[in-house]
Amino acid sequence: MSNWQSKLPWIQAFYAIKSNPIFPLLNDLSAKENVGFDCASKTEIKIALELGTQPKDIVYSNPVKLESDLAWANKKGIRLTTADTL
C-alpha cells in the first residue's frame, strides 16, 4: 500500500488515459487496488471496461460531452462525471 493510501484511504486515484494510453501501463494500473480511470471519450471508456475496470471506478471527464455518449455511458453503469461552469 502506498504512503498516500495509508494516510488518505478515502481518496481514490483516477488515472487520465489520455495522458499516456499505452496498454502495458493501463494493464498495470488496472490491477492496482483503489485506482480508477479518468476517461475523456467513449473510446477511453471502452478501453477501461475492456481492462476489466468496474463502472464505479470510471469517471467520464470531458467538459464537452455528446448527449448520446452520456446516455451510452449511463447504460454501461458509469455514474461519475465532471461538469464545468462559469
PDB file of N, CA and C in Angstrom:
ATOM      1  N   MET A   1       0.858  -1.180   0.000  1.00  0.00           N
ATOM      2  CA  MET A   1       0.000   0.000   0.000  1.00  0.00           C
ATOM      3  C   MET A   1       0.900   1.238   0.000  1.00  0.00           C
ATOM      4  N   SER A   2       0.570   2.178  -0.836  1.00  0.00           N
ATOM      5  CA  SER A   2       1.394   3.383  -0.905  1.00  0.00           C
ATOM      6  C   SER A   2       1.169   4.263   0.326  1.00  0.00           C
ATOM      7  N   ASN A   3       2.100   5.153   0.547  1.00  0.00           N
ATOM      8  CA  ASN A   3       2.034   6.039   1.701  1.00  0.00           C
ATOM      9  C   ASN A   3       0.760   6.889   1.681  1.00  0.00           C
ATOM     10  N   TRP A   4       0.427   7.455   0.505  1.00  0.00           N
ATOM     11  CA  TRP A   4      -0.766   8.313   0.455  1.00  0.00           C
ATOM     12  C   TRP A   4      -2.037   7.506   0.708  1.00  0.00           C
ATOM     13  N   GLN A   5      -2.060   6.241   0.294  1.00  0.00           N
ATOM     14  CA  GLN A   5      -3.245   5.421   0.557  1.00  0.00           C
ATOM     15  C   GLN A   5      -3.365   5.080   2.038  1.00  0.00           C
ATOM     16  N   SER A   6      -2.227   4.914   2.717  1.00  0.00           N
ATOM     17  CA  SER A   6      -2.290   4.624   4.147  1.00  0.00           C
ATOM     18  C   SER A   6      -2.717   5.863   4.942  1.00  0.00           C
ATOM     19  N   LYS A   7      -2.332   7.051   4.460  1.00  0.00           N
ATOM     20  CA  LYS A   7      -2.677   8.296   5.157  1.00  0.00           C
ATOM     21  C   LYS A   7      -4.039   8.855   4.759  1.00  0.00           C
ATOM     22  N   LEU A   8      -4.457   8.606   3.509  1.00  0.00           N
ATOM     23  CA  LEU A   8      -5.728   9.129   2.982  1.00  0.00           C
ATOM     24  C   LEU A   8      -6.531   7.999   2.325  1.00  0.00           C
ATOM     25  N   PRO A   9      -6.966   7.019   3.095  1.00  0.00           N
ATOM     26  CA  PRO A   9      -7.603   5.836   2.497  1.00  0.00           C
ATOM     27  C   PRO A   9      -8.937   6.122   1.801  1.00  0.00           C
ATOM     28  N   TRP A  10      -9.540   7.267   2.042  1.00  0.00           N
ATOM     29  CA  TRP A  10     -10.814   7.597   1.416  1.00  0.00           C
ATOM     30  C   TRP A  10     -10.629   8.212   0.023  1.00  0.00           C
ATOM     31  N   ILE A  11      -9.379   8.454  -0.376  1.00  0.00           N
ATOM     32  CA  ILE A  11      -9.083   9.039  -1.680  1.00  0.00           C
ATOM     33  C   ILE A  11      -8.888   7.930  -2.711  1.00  0.00           C
ATOM     34  N   GLN A  12      -9.516   8.064  -3.867  1.00  0.00           N
ATOM     35  CA  GLN A  12      -9.303   7.134  -4.969  1.00  0.00           C
ATOM     36  C   GLN A  12      -8.660   7.885  -6.132  1.00  0.00           C
ATOM     37  N   ALA A  13      -7.569   7.337  -6.630  1.00  0.00           N
ATOM     38  CA  ALA A  13      -6.888   7.937  -7.774  1.00  0.00           C
ATOM     39  C   ALA A  13      -7.602   7.527  -9.060  1.00  0.00           C
ATOM     40  N   PHE A  14      -7.700   8.468  -9.998  1.00  0.00           N
ATOM     41  CA  PHE A  14      -8.252   8.199 -11.324  1.00  0.00           C
ATOM     42  C   PHE A  14      -7.202   8.605 -12.346  1.00  0.00           C
ATOM     43  N   TYR A  15      -6.610   7.623 -13.010  1.00  0.00           N
ATOM     44  CA  TYR A  15      -5.566   7.878 -14.000  1.00  0.00           C
ATOM     45  C   TYR A  15      -6.204   8.355 -15.302  1.00  0.00           C
ATOM     46  N   ALA A  16      -5.722   9.478 -15.841  1.00  0.00           N
ATOM     47  CA  ALA A  16      -6.233  10.025 -17.101  1.00  0.00           C
ATOM     48  C   ALA A  16      -5.631   9.234 -18.258  1.00  0.00           C
ATOM     49  N   ILE A  17      -6.449   8.426 -18.902  1.00  0.00           N
ATOM     50  CA  ILE A  17      -5.972   7.583 -20.002  1.00  0.00           C
ATOM     51  C   ILE A  17      -5.306   8.421 -21.081  1.00  0.00           C
ATOM     52  N   LYS A  18      -5.855   9.605 -21.371  1.00  0.00           N
ATOM     53  CA  LYS A  18      -5.318  10.435 -22.454  1.00  0.00           C
ATOM     54  C   LYS A  18      -3.870  10.849 -22.222  1.00  0.00           C
ATOM     55  N   SER A  19      -3.414  10.839 -20.972  1.00  0.00           N
ATOM     56  CA  SER A  19      -2.058  11.293 -20.684  1.00  0.00           C
ATOM     57  C   SER A  19      -0.985  10.322 -21.171  1.00  0.00           C
ATOM     58  N   ASN A  20      -1.281   9.031 -21.203  1.00  0.00           N
ATOM     59  CA  ASN A  20      -0.337   8.023 -21.688  1.00  0.00           C
ATOM     60  C   ASN A  20      -1.112   6.711 -21.863  1.00  0.00           C
ATOM     61  N   PRO A  21      -1.718   6.512 -23.025  1.00  0.00           N
ATOM     62  CA  PRO A  21      -2.627   5.379 -23.209  1.00  0.00           C
ATOM     63  C   PRO A  21      -1.972   4.058 -23.635  1.00  0.00           C
ATOM     64  N   ILE A  22      -0.736   3.812 -23.231  1.00  0.00           N
ATOM     65  CA  ILE A  22      -0.103   2.559 -23.646  1.00  0.00           C
ATOM     66  C   ILE A  22      -0.637   1.400 -22.794  1.00  0.00           C
ATOM     67  N   PHE A  23      -0.899   0.280 -23.451  1.00  0.00           N
ATOM     68  CA  PHE A  23      -1.577  -0.826 -22.777  1.00  0.00           C
ATOM     69  C   PHE A  23      -0.792  -1.458 -21.633  1.00  0.00           C
ATOM     70  N   PRO A  24       0.548  -1.604 -21.715  1.00  0.00           N
ATOM     71  CA  PRO A  24       1.235  -2.172 -20.544  1.00  0.00           C
ATOM     72  C   PRO A  24       1.009  -1.346 -19.272  1.00  0.00           C
ATOM     73  N   LEU A  25       1.039  -0.025 -19.409  1.00  0.00           N
ATOM     74  CA  LEU A  25       0.796   0.848 -18.265  1.00  0.00           C
ATOM     75  C   LEU A  25      -0.647   0.719 -17.788  1.00  0.00           C
ATOM     76  N   LEU A  26      -1.586   0.759 -18.721  1.00  0.00           N
ATOM     77  CA  LEU A  26      -3.001   0.657 -18.344  1.00  0.00           C
ATOM     78  C   LEU A  26      -3.299  -0.680 -17.682  1.00  0.00           C
ATOM     79  N   ASN A  27      -2.706  -1.758 -18.199  1.00  0.00           N
ATOM     80  CA  ASN A  27      -2.896  -3.076 -17.584  1.00  0.00           C
ATOM     81  C   ASN A  27      -2.362  -3.092 -16.164  1.00  0.00           C
ATOM     82  N   ASP A  28      -1.195  -2.506 -15.960  1.00  0.00           N
ATOM     83  CA  ASP A  28      -0.607  -2.460 -14.626  1.00  0.00           C
ATOM     84  C   ASP A  28      -1.494  -1.668 -13.676  1.00  0.00           C
ATOM     85  N   LEU A  29      -1.957  -0.520 -14.127  1.00  0.00           N
ATOM     86  CA  LEU A  29      -2.818   0.313 -13.283  1.00  0.00           C
ATOM     87  C   LEU A  29      -4.152  -0.366 -12.983  1.00  0.00           C
ATOM     88  N   SER A  30      -4.695  -1.077 -13.958  1.00  0.00           N
ATOM     89  CA  SER A  30      -5.996  -1.713 -13.741  1.00  0.00           C
ATOM     90  C   SER A  30      -5.911  -2.805 -12.681  1.00  0.00           C
ATOM     91  N   ALA A  31      -4.720  -3.345 -12.470  1.00  0.00           N
ATOM     92  CA  ALA A  31      -4.533  -4.382 -11.460  1.00  0.00           C
ATOM     93  C   ALA A  31      -4.343  -3.801 -10.057  1.00  0.00           C
ATOM     94  N   LYS A  32      -4.130  -2.501  -9.964  1.00  0.00           N
ATOM     95  CA  LYS A  32      -3.893  -1.860  -8.663  1.00  0.00           C
ATOM     96  C   LYS A  32      -5.206  -1.668  -7.917  1.00  0.00           C
ATOM     97  N   GLU A  33      -5.116  -1.823  -6.625  1.00  0.00           N
ATOM     98  CA  GLU A  33      -6.275  -1.598  -5.773  1.00  0.00           C
ATOM     99  C   GLU A  33      -6.518  -0.105  -5.612  1.00  0.00           C
ATOM    100  N   ASN A  34      -7.765   0.298  -5.679  1.00  0.00           N
ATOM    101  CA  ASN A  34      -8.167   1.682  -5.436  1.00  0.00           C
ATOM    102  C   ASN A  34      -7.665   2.666  -6.496  1.00  0.00           C
ATOM    103  N   VAL A  35      -7.500   2.202  -7.746  1.00  0.00           N
ATOM    104  CA  VAL A  35      -7.145   3.075  -8.859  1.00  0.00           C
ATOM    105  C   VAL A  35      -8.224   2.945  -9.918  1.00  0.00           C
ATOM    106  N   GLY A  36      -8.743   4.075 -10.366  1.00  0.00           N
ATOM    107  CA  GLY A  36      -9.737   4.085 -11.424  1.00  0.00           C
ATOM    108  C   GLY A  36      -9.190   4.803 -12.642  1.00  0.00           C
ATOM    109  N   PHE A  37     -10.065   5.026 -13.614  1.00  0.00           N
ATOM    110  CA  PHE A  37      -9.649   5.695 -14.842  1.00  0.00           C
ATOM    111  C   PHE A  37     -10.505   6.923 -15.106  1.00  0.00           C
ATOM    112  N   ASP A  38      -9.824   7.990 -15.495  1.00  0.00           N
ATOM    113  CA  ASP A  38     -10.428   9.242 -15.938  1.00  0.00           C
ATOM    114  C   ASP A  38     -10.492   9.145 -17.460  1.00  0.00           C
ATOM    115  N   CYS A  39     -11.692   9.114 -17.993  1.00  0.00           N
ATOM    116  CA  CYS A  39     -11.884   8.906 -19.435  1.00  0.00           C
ATOM    117  C   CYS A  39     -12.503  10.142 -20.065  1.00  0.00           C
ATOM    118  N   ALA A  40     -11.876  10.603 -21.151  1.00  0.00           N
ATOM    119  CA  ALA A  40     -12.336  11.809 -21.821  1.00  0.00           C
ATOM    120  C   ALA A  40     -13.192  11.512 -23.045  1.00  0.00           C
ATOM    121  N   SER A  41     -13.391  10.226 -23.359  1.00  0.00           N
ATOM    122  CA  SER A  41     -14.163   9.886 -24.551  1.00  0.00           C
ATOM    123  C   SER A  41     -14.796   8.508 -24.393  1.00  0.00           C
ATOM    124  N   LYS A  42     -15.722   8.232 -25.286  1.00  0.00           N
ATOM    125  CA  LYS A  42     -16.358   6.917 -25.329  1.00  0.00           C
ATOM    126  C   LYS A  42     -15.305   5.841 -25.585  1.00  0.00           C
ATOM    127  N   THR A  43     -14.354   6.134 -26.446  1.00  0.00           N
ATOM    128  CA  THR A  43     -13.282   5.185 -26.755  1.00  0.00           C
ATOM    129  C   THR A  43     -12.476   4.855 -25.505  1.00  0.00           C
ATOM    130  N   GLU A  44     -12.140   5.860 -24.718  1.00  0.00           N
ATOM    131  CA  GLU A  44     -11.377   5.617 -23.499  1.00  0.00           C
ATOM    132  C   GLU A  44     -12.199   4.829 -22.485  1.00  0.00           C
ATOM    133  N   ILE A  45     -13.494   5.083 -22.404  1.00  0.00           N
ATOM    134  CA  ILE A  45     -14.354   4.297 -21.518  1.00  0.00           C
ATOM    135  C   ILE A  45     -14.353   2.837 -21.960  1.00  0.00           C
ATOM    136  N   LYS A  46     -14.445   2.603 -23.270  1.00  0.00           N
ATOM    137  CA  LYS A  46     -14.405   1.232 -23.783  1.00  0.00           C
ATOM    138  C   LYS A  46     -13.103   0.538 -23.396  1.00  0.00           C
ATOM    139  N   ILE A  47     -11.981   1.251 -23.493  1.00  0.00           N
ATOM    140  CA  ILE A  47     -10.687   0.685 -23.113  1.00  0.00           C
ATOM    141  C   ILE A  47     -10.696   0.300 -21.635  1.00  0.00           C
ATOM    142  N   ALA A  48     -11.165   1.206 -20.788  1.00  0.00           N
ATOM    143  CA  ALA A  48     -11.206   0.930 -19.346  1.00  0.00           C
ATOM    144  C   ALA A  48     -12.075  -0.289 -19.051  1.00  0.00           C
ATOM    145  N   LEU A  49     -13.217  -0.379 -19.696  1.00  0.00           N
ATOM    146  CA  LEU A  49     -14.102  -1.525 -19.484  1.00  0.00           C
ATOM    147  C   LEU A  49     -13.458  -2.820 -19.980  1.00  0.00           C
ATOM    148  N   GLU A  50     -12.771  -2.760 -21.126  1.00  0.00           N
ATOM    149  CA  GLU A  50     -12.084  -3.942 -21.657  1.00  0.00           C
ATOM    150  C   GLU A  50     -10.974  -4.417 -20.720  1.00  0.00           C
ATOM    151  N   LEU A  51     -10.396  -3.513 -19.958  1.00  0.00           N
ATOM    152  CA  LEU A  51      -9.371  -3.876 -18.980  1.00  0.00           C
ATOM    153  C   LEU A  51      -9.979  -4.533 -17.738  1.00  0.00           C
ATOM    154  N   GLY A  52     -11.306  -4.547 -17.675  1.00  0.00           N
ATOM    155  CA  GLY A  52     -11.983  -5.141 -16.526  1.00  0.00           C
ATOM    156  C   GLY A  52     -12.307  -4.156 -15.421  1.00  0.00           C
ATOM    157  N   THR A  53     -12.154  -2.881 -15.704  1.00  0.00           N
ATOM    158  CA  THR A  53     -12.453  -1.852 -14.711  1.00  0.00           C
ATOM    159  C   THR A  53     -13.952  -1.824 -14.448  1.00  0.00           C
ATOM    160  N   GLN A  54     -14.309  -1.753 -13.185  1.00  0.00           N
ATOM    161  CA  GLN A  54     -15.713  -1.651 -12.807  1.00  0.00           C
ATOM    162  C   GLN A  54     -16.233  -0.249 -13.145  1.00  0.00           C
ATOM    163  N   PRO A  55     -17.475  -0.143 -13.581  1.00  0.00           N
ATOM    164  CA  PRO A  55     -18.030   1.182 -13.905  1.00  0.00           C
ATOM    165  C   PRO A  55     -17.900   2.199 -12.769  1.00  0.00           C
ATOM    166  N   LYS A  56     -17.970   1.741 -11.523  1.00  0.00           N
ATOM    167  CA  LYS A  56     -17.846   2.662 -10.383  1.00  0.00           C
ATOM    168  C   LYS A  56     -16.452   3.274 -10.287  1.00  0.00           C
ATOM    169  N   ASP A  57     -15.489   2.688 -11.009  1.00  0.00           N
ATOM    170  CA  ASP A  57     -14.113   3.169 -10.983  1.00  0.00           C
ATOM    171  C   ASP A  57     -13.735   3.937 -12.246  1.00  0.00           C
ATOM    172  N   ILE A  58     -14.751   4.443 -12.952  1.00  0.00           N
ATOM    173  CA  ILE A  58     -14.533   5.225 -14.172  1.00  0.00           C
ATOM    174  C   ILE A  58     -15.259   6.558 -14.020  1.00  0.00           C
ATOM    175  N   VAL A  59     -14.558   7.627 -14.366  1.00  0.00           N
ATOM    176  CA  VAL A  59     -15.185   8.949 -14.394  1.00  0.00           C
ATOM    177  C   VAL A  59     -15.115   9.462 -15.836  1.00  0.00           C
ATOM    178  N   TYR A  60     -16.246   9.923 -16.344  1.00  0.00           N
ATOM    179  CA  TYR A  60     -16.319  10.495 -17.688  1.00  0.00           C
ATOM    180  C   TYR A  60     -16.046  11.979 -17.540  1.00  0.00           C
ATOM    181  N   SER A  61     -14.847  12.402 -17.975  1.00  0.00           N
ATOM    182  CA  SER A  61     -14.367  13.722 -17.561  1.00  0.00           C
ATOM    183  C   SER A  61     -14.329  14.804 -18.623  1.00  0.00           C
ATOM    184  N   ASN A  62     -14.668  14.497 -19.839  1.00  0.00           N
ATOM    185  CA  ASN A  62     -14.594  15.511 -20.884  1.00  0.00           C
ATOM    186  C   ASN A  62     -15.569  16.648 -20.572  1.00  0.00           C
ATOM    187  N   PRO A  63     -15.130  17.913 -20.638  1.00  0.00           N
ATOM    188  CA  PRO A  63     -16.042  19.014 -20.354  1.00  0.00           C
ATOM    189  C   PRO A  63     -17.127  19.191 -21.423  1.00  0.00           C
ATOM    190  N   VAL A  64     -16.898  18.631 -22.611  1.00  0.00           N
ATOM    191  CA  VAL A  64     -17.896  18.696 -23.680  1.00  0.00           C
ATOM    192  C   VAL A  64     -18.274  17.264 -24.041  1.00  0.00           C
ATOM    193  N   LYS A  65     -19.486  16.873 -23.666  1.00  0.00           N
ATOM    194  CA  LYS A  65     -19.929  15.503 -23.884  1.00  0.00           C
ATOM    195  C   LYS A  65     -21.157  15.500 -24.788  1.00  0.00           C
ATOM    196  N   LEU A  66     -21.163  14.575 -25.737  1.00  0.00           N
ATOM    197  CA  LEU A  66     -22.370  14.398 -26.547  1.00  0.00           C
ATOM    198  C   LEU A  66     -23.451  13.765 -25.676  1.00  0.00           C
ATOM    199  N   GLU A  67     -24.680  14.211 -25.871  1.00  0.00           N
ATOM    200  CA  GLU A  67     -25.781  13.642 -25.111  1.00  0.00           C
ATOM    201  C   GLU A  67     -25.877  12.137 -25.342  1.00  0.00           C
ATOM    202  N   SER A  68     -25.643  11.704 -26.576  1.00  0.00           N
ATOM    203  CA  SER A  68     -25.699  10.268 -26.888  1.00  0.00           C
ATOM    204  C   SER A  68     -24.593   9.493 -26.167  1.00  0.00           C
ATOM    205  N   ASP A  69     -23.416  10.104 -25.999  1.00  0.00           N
ATOM    206  CA  ASP A  69     -22.330   9.446 -25.261  1.00  0.00           C
ATOM    207  C   ASP A  69     -22.640   9.377 -23.766  1.00  0.00           C
ATOM    208  N   LEU A  70     -23.269  10.405 -23.235  1.00  0.00           N
ATOM    209  CA  LEU A  70     -23.697  10.364 -21.832  1.00  0.00           C
ATOM    210  C   LEU A  70     -24.711   9.241 -21.609  1.00  0.00           C
ATOM    211  N   ALA A  71     -25.661   9.112 -22.530  1.00  0.00           N
ATOM    212  CA  ALA A  71     -26.658   8.047 -22.423  1.00  0.00           C
ATOM    213  C   ALA A  71     -25.985   6.679 -22.522  1.00  0.00           C
ATOM    214  N   TRP A  72     -25.028   6.529 -23.440  1.00  0.00           N
ATOM    215  CA  TRP A  72     -24.302   5.269 -23.598  1.00  0.00           C
ATOM    216  C   TRP A  72     -23.535   4.938 -22.312  1.00  0.00           C
ATOM    217  N   ALA A  73     -22.821   5.928 -21.751  1.00  0.00           N
ATOM    218  CA  ALA A  73     -22.066   5.713 -20.515  1.00  0.00           C
ATOM    219  C   ALA A  73     -23.004   5.308 -19.375  1.00  0.00           C
ATOM    220  N   ASN A  74     -24.145   5.940 -19.307  1.00  0.00           N
ATOM    221  CA  ASN A  74     -25.128   5.600 -18.284  1.00  0.00           C
ATOM    222  C   ASN A  74     -25.569   4.143 -18.425  1.00  0.00           C
ATOM    223  N   LYS A  75     -25.823   3.695 -19.648  1.00  0.00           N
ATOM    224  CA  LYS A  75     -26.223   2.302 -19.883  1.00  0.00           C
ATOM    225  C   LYS A  75     -25.120   1.335 -19.463  1.00  0.00           C
ATOM    226  N   LYS A  76     -23.876   1.769 -19.557  1.00  0.00           N
ATOM    227  CA  LYS A  76     -22.734   0.933 -19.157  1.00  0.00           C
ATOM    228  C   LYS A  76     -22.481   0.980 -17.649  1.00  0.00           C
ATOM    229  N   GLY A  77     -23.235   1.820 -16.938  1.00  0.00           N
ATOM    230  CA  GLY A  77     -23.106   1.899 -15.485  1.00  0.00           C
ATOM    231  C   GLY A  77     -22.167   2.977 -14.990  1.00  0.00           C
ATOM    232  N   ILE A  78     -21.696   3.847 -15.888  1.00  0.00           N
ATOM    233  CA  ILE A  78     -20.813   4.936 -15.496  1.00  0.00           C
ATOM    234  C   ILE A  78     -21.668   6.011 -14.826  1.00  0.00           C
ATOM    235  N   ARG A  79     -21.404   6.278 -13.568  1.00  0.00           N
ATOM    236  CA  ARG A  79     -22.218   7.237 -12.814  1.00  0.00           C
ATOM    237  C   ARG A  79     -21.448   8.497 -12.413  1.00  0.00           C
ATOM    238  N   LEU A  80     -20.125   8.480 -12.591  1.00  0.00           N
ATOM    239  CA  LEU A  80     -19.313   9.653 -12.234  1.00  0.00           C
ATOM    240  C   LEU A  80     -18.991  10.465 -13.474  1.00  0.00           C
ATOM    241  N   THR A  81     -19.137  11.769 -13.375  1.00  0.00           N
ATOM    242  CA  THR A  81     -18.793  12.660 -14.473  1.00  0.00           C
ATOM    243  C   THR A  81     -18.309  13.980 -13.884  1.00  0.00           C
ATOM    244  N   THR A  82     -17.848  14.838 -14.744  1.00  0.00           N
ATOM    245  CA  THR A  82     -17.432  16.176 -14.329  1.00  0.00           C
ATOM    246  C   THR A  82     -18.276  17.195 -15.069  1.00  0.00           C
ATOM    247  N   ALA A  83     -18.335  18.390 -14.529  1.00  0.00           N
ATOM    248  CA  ALA A  83     -19.064  19.474 -15.188  1.00  0.00           C
ATOM    249  C   ALA A  83     -18.281  20.762 -15.005  1.00  0.00           C
ATOM    250  N   ASP A  84     -18.161  21.525 -16.056  1.00  0.00           N
ATOM    251  CA  ASP A  84     -17.533  22.842 -15.982  1.00  0.00           C
ATOM    252  C   ASP A  84     -18.636  23.896 -16.055  1.00  0.00           C
ATOM    253  N   THR A  85     -18.441  24.978 -15.354  1.00  0.00           N
ATOM    254  CA  THR A  85     -19.424  26.034 -15.340  1.00  0.00           C
ATOM    255  C   THR A  85     -18.730  27.379 -15.142  1.00  0.00           C
ATOM    256  N   LEU A  86     -19.445  28.407 -15.419  1.00  0.00           N
ATOM    257  CA  LEU A  86     -18.902  29.760 -15.193  1.00  0.00           C
ATOM    258  C   LEU A  86     -19.152  30.208 -13.781  1.00  0.00           C
TER     259      LEU A  86
END
